[in-house]
Amino acid sequence: MLAITMAAVQELAVARQRIDTLERLLEGKGVLDRSEIDAFVPDRNAAAERALANQELIARVLRIVQQRGEAVDIANDPASEDVAEEIGADS
């Protein structure tokens, strides 16, 4: 879990640095003011796209946990031969 968290934190740190760079470049060239970014409200389509992207990201991150859980479940499943032996012993 720590590895997942640290990988996500590293990705976030890089993304923040890139966003900061873009904001500074756009503001420096007079394209926009940072207050415009803070005041931006996405339209319905943009909000839906963002929500879907967030869900996909969460699914990718949590897929690692799910895969490990599935591997544990498989490892703990009894073999069919063991089940057959147990049933035969009960008869």
N, C-alpha and C. Protein backbone atom coordinates (compact mmCIF):
# COMPACT_ATOMS: atom_id res chain seq x y z
N MET A 1 0.83 -1.18 0.00
CA MET A 1 0.00 0.00 0.00
C MET A 1 0.88 1.26 0.00
N LEU A 2 1.98 1.19 0.74
CA LEU A 2 2.89 2.33 0.78
C LEU A 2 3.47 2.62 -0.60
N ALA A 3 3.80 1.57 -1.35
CA ALA A 3 4.37 1.76 -2.69
C ALA A 3 3.37 2.46 -3.60
N ILE A 4 2.10 2.08 -3.50
CA ILE A 4 1.06 2.71 -4.31
C ILE A 4 0.94 4.18 -3.93
N THR A 5 0.91 4.44 -2.65
CA THR A 5 0.77 5.82 -2.17
C THR A 5 1.94 6.68 -2.62
N MET A 6 3.14 6.17 -2.48
CA MET A 6 4.32 6.95 -2.86
C MET A 6 4.37 7.18 -4.37
N ALA A 7 3.97 6.20 -5.16
CA ALA A 7 3.94 6.39 -6.61
C ALA A 7 2.92 7.47 -6.98
N ALA A 8 1.77 7.45 -6.32
CA ALA A 8 0.74 8.46 -6.59
C ALA A 8 1.22 9.84 -6.16
N VAL A 9 1.88 9.93 -5.03
CA VAL A 9 2.40 11.22 -4.55
C VAL A 9 3.45 11.76 -5.51
N GLN A 10 4.30 10.89 -6.02
CA GLN A 10 5.32 11.32 -6.97
C GLN A 10 4.68 11.84 -8.25
N GLU A 11 3.68 11.13 -8.75
CA GLU A 11 2.97 11.58 -9.95
C GLU A 11 2.30 12.93 -9.70
N LEU A 12 1.70 13.10 -8.54
CA LEU A 12 1.04 14.36 -8.20
C LEU A 12 2.05 15.50 -8.14
N ALA A 13 3.21 15.25 -7.55
CA ALA A 13 4.23 16.29 -7.44
C ALA A 13 4.68 16.75 -8.83
N VAL A 14 4.89 15.80 -9.73
CA VAL A 14 5.31 16.14 -11.10
C VAL A 14 4.20 16.92 -11.80
N ALA A 15 2.96 16.47 -11.64
CA ALA A 15 1.83 17.16 -12.28
C ALA A 15 1.71 18.59 -11.76
N ARG A 16 1.88 18.78 -10.47
CA ARG A 16 1.79 20.13 -9.90
C ARG A 16 2.88 21.04 -10.44
N GLN A 17 4.09 20.50 -10.58
CA GLN A 17 5.18 21.30 -11.13
C GLN A 17 4.88 21.72 -12.56
N ARG A 18 4.33 20.80 -13.35
CA ARG A 18 4.01 21.11 -14.74
C ARG A 18 2.87 22.12 -14.82
N ILE A 19 1.88 21.98 -13.97
CA ILE A 19 0.77 22.94 -13.95
C ILE A 19 1.29 24.33 -13.57
N ASP A 20 2.15 24.38 -12.58
CA ASP A 20 2.72 25.66 -12.15
C ASP A 20 3.49 26.30 -13.31
N THR A 21 4.25 25.48 -14.04
CA THR A 21 4.99 25.99 -15.20
C THR A 21 4.04 26.57 -16.24
N LEU A 22 2.99 25.83 -16.56
CA LEU A 22 2.01 26.31 -17.55
C LEU A 22 1.37 27.62 -17.10
N GLU A 23 0.96 27.68 -15.85
CA GLU A 23 0.33 28.89 -15.34
C GLU A 23 1.28 30.08 -15.44
N ARG A 24 2.53 29.89 -15.06
CA ARG A 24 3.50 30.98 -15.10
C ARG A 24 3.77 31.43 -16.53
N LEU A 25 3.88 30.46 -17.45
CA LEU A 25 4.12 30.81 -18.86
C LEU A 25 2.93 31.55 -19.45
N LEU A 26 1.73 31.06 -19.21
CA LEU A 26 0.53 31.71 -19.75
C LEU A 26 0.34 33.10 -19.16
N GLU A 27 0.59 33.23 -17.87
CA GLU A 27 0.45 34.54 -17.23
C GLU A 27 1.54 35.49 -17.74
N GLY A 28 2.75 34.98 -17.85
CA GLY A 28 3.87 35.80 -18.33
C GLY A 28 3.67 36.32 -19.74
N LYS A 29 2.99 35.55 -20.57
CA LYS A 29 2.74 35.96 -21.96
C LYS A 29 1.44 36.75 -22.09
N GLY A 30 0.78 36.98 -20.97
CA GLY A 30 -0.46 37.75 -21.00
C GLY A 30 -1.66 37.00 -21.57
N VAL A 31 -1.57 35.69 -21.65
CA VAL A 31 -2.67 34.88 -22.19
C VAL A 31 -3.82 34.82 -21.19
N LEU A 32 -3.49 34.69 -19.92
CA LEU A 32 -4.52 34.68 -18.89
C LEU A 32 -3.92 35.05 -17.55
N ASP A 33 -4.78 35.36 -16.63
CA ASP A 33 -4.39 35.67 -15.26
C ASP A 33 -4.69 34.45 -14.41
N ARG A 34 -3.87 34.17 -13.43
CA ARG A 34 -4.11 33.00 -12.59
C ARG A 34 -5.47 33.01 -11.91
N SER A 35 -6.00 34.18 -11.66
CA SER A 35 -7.33 34.25 -11.03
C SER A 35 -8.40 33.65 -11.94
N GLU A 36 -8.16 33.68 -13.26
CA GLU A 36 -9.10 33.06 -14.19
C GLU A 36 -9.14 31.54 -14.00
N ILE A 37 -8.00 30.98 -13.70
CA ILE A 37 -7.93 29.53 -13.46
C ILE A 37 -8.71 29.20 -12.19
N ASP A 38 -8.49 30.00 -11.15
CA ASP A 38 -9.20 29.75 -9.88
C ASP A 38 -10.70 29.92 -10.03
N ALA A 39 -11.12 30.81 -10.91
CA ALA A 39 -12.55 31.11 -11.08
C ALA A 39 -13.23 30.20 -12.11
N PHE A 40 -12.45 29.40 -12.83
CA PHE A 40 -13.00 28.57 -13.90
C PHE A 40 -13.99 27.55 -13.36
N VAL A 41 -15.13 27.44 -14.04
CA VAL A 41 -16.14 26.44 -13.73
C VAL A 41 -16.37 25.63 -15.01
N PRO A 42 -16.07 24.34 -14.99
CA PRO A 42 -16.23 23.55 -16.21
C PRO A 42 -17.69 23.40 -16.60
N ASP A 43 -17.94 23.30 -17.93
CA ASP A 43 -19.31 23.05 -18.38
C ASP A 43 -19.64 21.58 -18.12
N ARG A 44 -20.87 21.19 -18.45
CA ARG A 44 -21.31 19.81 -18.15
C ARG A 44 -20.43 18.76 -18.80
N ASN A 45 -20.08 18.98 -20.07
CA ASN A 45 -19.25 18.00 -20.77
C ASN A 45 -17.87 17.88 -20.14
N ALA A 46 -17.26 19.01 -19.84
CA ALA A 46 -15.93 18.99 -19.22
C ALA A 46 -16.00 18.33 -17.84
N ALA A 47 -17.05 18.64 -17.07
CA ALA A 47 -17.21 18.04 -15.74
C ALA A 47 -17.37 16.53 -15.85
N ALA A 48 -18.15 16.08 -16.84
CA ALA A 48 -18.35 14.65 -17.04
C ALA A 48 -17.04 13.96 -17.45
N GLU A 49 -16.28 14.61 -18.34
CA GLU A 49 -15.00 14.05 -18.76
C GLU A 49 -14.03 13.95 -17.58
N ARG A 50 -14.02 14.98 -16.75
CA ARG A 50 -13.14 14.97 -15.57
C ARG A 50 -13.55 13.87 -14.60
N ALA A 51 -14.85 13.72 -14.39
CA ALA A 51 -15.33 12.69 -13.47
C ALA A 51 -14.94 11.30 -13.97
N LEU A 52 -15.09 11.07 -15.27
CA LEU A 52 -14.72 9.78 -15.85
C LEU A 52 -13.21 9.55 -15.73
N ALA A 53 -12.43 10.57 -15.99
CA ALA A 53 -10.97 10.44 -15.87
C ALA A 53 -10.57 10.13 -14.44
N ASN A 54 -11.24 10.75 -13.47
CA ASN A 54 -10.96 10.47 -12.05
C ASN A 54 -11.30 9.03 -11.70
N GLN A 55 -12.45 8.56 -12.18
CA GLN A 55 -12.86 7.17 -11.91
C GLN A 55 -11.87 6.18 -12.53
N GLU A 56 -11.42 6.47 -13.74
CA GLU A 56 -10.47 5.59 -14.41
C GLU A 56 -9.13 5.57 -13.67
N LEU A 57 -8.69 6.71 -13.19
CA LEU A 57 -7.45 6.78 -12.43
C LEU A 57 -7.56 5.96 -11.15
N ILE A 58 -8.64 6.15 -10.42
CA ILE A 58 -8.84 5.40 -9.18
C ILE A 58 -8.89 3.91 -9.46
N ALA A 59 -9.57 3.52 -10.53
CA ALA A 59 -9.65 2.10 -10.89
C ALA A 59 -8.27 1.53 -11.19
N ARG A 60 -7.43 2.30 -11.90
CA ARG A 60 -6.07 1.84 -12.22
C ARG A 60 -5.25 1.68 -10.94
N VAL A 61 -5.34 2.63 -10.05
CA VAL A 61 -4.56 2.57 -8.81
C VAL A 61 -5.03 1.40 -7.95
N LEU A 62 -6.34 1.26 -7.80
CA LEU A 62 -6.87 0.22 -6.93
C LEU A 62 -6.82 -1.17 -7.58
N ARG A 63 -6.60 -1.23 -8.88
CA ARG A 63 -6.49 -2.53 -9.55
C ARG A 63 -5.37 -3.36 -8.96
N ILE A 64 -4.29 -2.71 -8.56
CA ILE A 64 -3.17 -3.41 -7.94
C ILE A 64 -3.63 -4.11 -6.67
N VAL A 65 -4.40 -3.41 -5.85
CA VAL A 65 -4.91 -3.99 -4.61
C VAL A 65 -5.86 -5.14 -4.93
N GLN A 66 -6.72 -4.94 -5.91
CA GLN A 66 -7.68 -5.98 -6.29
C GLN A 66 -6.95 -7.23 -6.78
N GLN A 67 -5.92 -7.04 -7.61
CA GLN A 67 -5.18 -8.18 -8.12
C GLN A 67 -4.51 -8.96 -7.00
N ARG A 68 -3.97 -8.25 -6.04
CA ARG A 68 -3.32 -8.94 -4.91
C ARG A 68 -4.35 -9.70 -4.09
N GLY A 69 -5.53 -9.09 -3.90
CA GLY A 69 -6.59 -9.77 -3.17
C GLY A 69 -7.05 -11.02 -3.88
N GLU A 70 -7.17 -10.93 -5.21
CA GLU A 70 -7.57 -12.09 -6.00
C GLU A 70 -6.51 -13.19 -5.91
N ALA A 71 -5.24 -12.82 -5.90
CA ALA A 71 -4.17 -13.80 -5.81
C ALA A 71 -4.21 -14.52 -4.46
N VAL A 72 -4.51 -13.78 -3.40
CA VAL A 72 -4.62 -14.39 -2.07
C VAL A 72 -5.81 -15.34 -2.03
N ASP A 73 -6.92 -14.91 -2.61
CA ASP A 73 -8.11 -15.77 -2.65
C ASP A 73 -7.83 -17.07 -3.39
N ILE A 74 -7.14 -16.96 -4.51
CA ILE A 74 -6.80 -18.15 -5.29
C ILE A 74 -5.87 -19.06 -4.50
N ALA A 75 -4.90 -18.47 -3.82
CA ALA A 75 -3.95 -19.26 -3.04
C ALA A 75 -4.65 -19.97 -1.88
N ASN A 76 -5.71 -19.38 -1.35
CA ASN A 76 -6.42 -19.97 -0.22
C ASN A 76 -7.51 -20.94 -0.63
N ASP A 77 -7.84 -20.98 -1.92
CA ASP A 77 -8.85 -21.92 -2.40
C ASP A 77 -8.31 -23.34 -2.30
N PRO A 78 -9.12 -24.25 -1.80
CA PRO A 78 -8.64 -25.64 -1.74
C PRO A 78 -8.61 -26.25 -3.15
N ALA A 79 -7.69 -27.14 -3.36
CA ALA A 79 -7.60 -27.84 -4.64
C ALA A 79 -8.78 -28.78 -4.76
N SER A 80 -9.22 -29.01 -5.99
CA SER A 80 -10.38 -29.89 -6.19
C SER A 80 -10.12 -31.30 -5.68
N GLU A 81 -8.86 -31.75 -5.75
CA GLU A 81 -8.52 -33.08 -5.24
C GLU A 81 -8.73 -33.15 -3.73
N ASP A 82 -8.38 -32.07 -3.03
CA ASP A 82 -8.57 -32.04 -1.57
C ASP A 82 -10.04 -32.08 -1.21
N VAL A 83 -10.85 -31.37 -1.97
CA VAL A 83 -12.29 -31.37 -1.73
C VAL A 83 -12.86 -32.76 -1.97
N ALA A 84 -12.41 -33.42 -3.05
CA ALA A 84 -12.89 -34.76 -3.36
C ALA A 84 -12.51 -35.74 -2.26
N GLU A 85 -11.29 -35.63 -1.77
CA GLU A 85 -10.85 -36.50 -0.69
C GLU A 85 -11.68 -36.29 0.57
N GLU A 86 -11.96 -35.02 0.88
CA GLU A 86 -12.75 -34.71 2.07
C GLU A 86 -14.17 -35.24 1.95
N ILE A 87 -14.75 -35.09 0.78
CA ILE A 87 -16.10 -35.61 0.55
C ILE A 87 -16.10 -37.14 0.65
N GLY A 88 -15.07 -37.76 0.06
CA GLY A 88 -14.97 -39.22 0.11
C GLY A 88 -14.77 -39.72 1.52
N ALA A 89 -14.04 -38.98 2.34
CA ALA A 89 -13.78 -39.40 3.72
C ALA A 89 -15.04 -39.29 4.56
N ASP A 90 -15.92 -38.33 4.23
CA ASP A 90 -17.15 -38.15 4.98
C ASP A 90 -18.19 -39.22 4.65
N SER A 91 -18.02 -39.89 3.51
CA SER A 91 -19.04 -40.86 3.07
C SER A 91 -18.91 -42.18 3.77
